Protein backbone atom coordinates (compact mmCIF):
# COMPACT_ATOMS: atom_id res chain seq x y z
CA MET A 1 -2.62 23.32 -4.63
CA THR A 2 0.08 21.66 -2.32
CA THR A 3 -0.03 17.90 -2.27
CA LYS A 4 0.26 16.67 1.77
CA MET A 5 2.58 13.90 2.11
CA VAL A 6 2.65 10.91 4.44
CA ARG A 7 5.99 8.92 5.72
CA LEU A 8 5.12 5.32 6.88
CA ARG A 9 7.78 3.18 8.21
CA SER A 10 8.20 -0.47 7.11
CA SER A 11 8.80 -3.29 9.66
CA ASP A 12 12.66 -3.43 8.78
CA GLY A 13 12.96 0.77 8.85
CA GLN A 14 12.54 1.82 5.59
CA GLU A 15 10.51 5.03 5.28
CA LEU A 16 8.41 5.87 1.65
CA GLU A 17 5.79 8.75 1.06
CA VAL A 18 2.46 8.64 -0.10
CA MET A 19 -0.17 11.58 -0.48
CA GLU A 20 -2.26 11.95 2.27
CA GLU A 21 -5.45 11.56 0.14
CA ALA A 22 -4.76 8.69 -1.31
CA ILE A 23 -3.34 6.58 1.43
CA ALA A 24 -6.45 7.75 3.92
CA ALA A 25 -8.62 6.63 0.98
CA ALA A 26 -7.03 3.21 0.61
CA SER A 27 -6.41 2.28 4.30
CA LYS A 28 -9.03 2.80 7.53
CA THR A 29 -6.47 2.24 9.94
CA ILE A 30 -3.86 4.65 8.67
CA LYS A 31 -6.62 7.19 7.83
CA ASP A 32 -8.35 7.20 11.55
CA THR A 33 -4.31 7.53 12.55
CA LEU A 34 -3.89 10.37 10.72
CA GLU A 35 -7.31 12.02 12.17
CA LYS A 36 -5.57 11.56 15.67
CA GLY A 37 -2.95 13.35 14.67
CA GLY A 38 -0.52 11.14 13.09
CA ALA A 39 2.93 9.48 14.96
CA ALA A 40 4.69 11.34 17.23
CA ASP A 41 8.13 11.15 15.15
CA GLY A 42 6.44 11.65 12.03
CA ALA A 43 6.46 8.43 9.97
CA ILE A 44 3.43 6.14 10.67
CA PRO A 45 4.96 2.53 11.24
CA VAL A 46 3.49 -0.18 9.47
CA PRO A 47 4.03 -3.58 11.35
CA GLY A 48 4.68 -6.49 9.73
CA VAL A 49 5.22 -5.19 6.21
CA ILE A 50 8.86 -4.99 4.73
CA GLY A 51 9.78 -1.94 2.60
CA ARG A 52 10.24 -3.93 -0.54
CA VAL A 53 6.28 -4.69 -0.59
CA LEU A 54 5.36 -1.62 1.43
CA SER A 55 6.83 -0.09 -1.93
CA HIS A 56 4.47 -2.42 -4.34
CA VAL A 57 1.35 -1.50 -2.05
CA LEU A 58 2.21 1.99 -2.15
CA GLU A 59 2.38 1.81 -6.29
CA TYR A 60 -1.13 0.32 -5.97
CA VAL A 61 -2.39 2.90 -3.88
CA ASN A 62 -1.00 5.49 -6.28
CA ARG A 63 -2.30 4.31 -9.12
CA HIS A 64 -5.93 3.64 -7.80
CA PHE A 65 -6.49 6.04 -5.10
CA SER A 66 -4.42 9.23 -6.11
CA ASP A 67 -7.11 10.13 -8.45
CA PRO A 68 -10.68 9.22 -7.86
CA GLY A 69 -12.07 10.60 -11.29
CA ALA A 70 -9.51 8.33 -13.52
CA ALA A 71 -10.68 5.07 -11.50
CA ALA A 72 -14.29 5.82 -12.67
CA ASP A 73 -13.31 5.91 -16.22
CA PRO A 74 -14.42 2.94 -18.09
CA PHE A 75 -11.55 3.12 -20.99
CA ASP A 76 -8.85 2.91 -17.92
CA HIS A 77 -6.96 -0.34 -18.38
CA ILE A 78 -6.61 -1.13 -14.80
CA PRO A 79 -6.66 -5.08 -15.17
CA ASN A 80 -3.33 -4.94 -17.00
CA PHE A 81 -1.81 -2.70 -14.70
CA ASP A 82 -3.12 -5.19 -11.80
CA ASP A 83 -1.34 -8.41 -13.52
CA PRO A 84 1.89 -8.09 -11.87
CA PHE A 85 0.46 -6.84 -8.70
CA LYS A 86 -1.89 -10.01 -9.09
CA ALA A 87 1.35 -12.43 -9.97
CA PHE A 88 3.68 -10.98 -6.85
CA ASP A 89 0.38 -11.93 -4.33
CA ALA A 90 0.26 -15.42 -6.11
CA LEU A 91 4.37 -15.97 -5.73
CA VAL A 92 3.73 -14.67 -1.52
CA GLN A 93 0.58 -16.63 -1.35
CA ASN A 94 2.35 -19.93 -2.32
CA ARG A 95 5.78 -19.37 -0.55
CA SER A 96 3.60 -19.27 2.79
CA ILE A 97 1.41 -22.29 1.86
CA ALA A 98 4.43 -24.35 0.79
CA PRO A 99 5.91 -25.78 4.25
CA VAL A 100 2.22 -26.38 5.46
CA ARG A 101 1.97 -28.42 2.53
CA LYS A 102 5.27 -30.14 3.29
CA ALA A 103 4.34 -30.49 7.12
CA LEU A 104 0.87 -32.45 5.54
């Protein structure tokens, strides 16, 4: 059985591949785009997301959505895997709030 891959294009033009089944399970927007035939040039644009961030998102998607049976395993140590993503998310949130805090 071959795994169908989908290309996503970040806002800065970087193209990354992810398994179609995994990204469709993780994103209703991309699932709807795929059901409508995908992108004309083969890569689905993800506006507002730069390549570095998109690569982290796809790493998360691959880990959590590529094997539905693995996520149901009670012995899977997903929280340990998620820690870097939580830290990255906190960093991004703090950076976006800092200019607002200075203005107040």
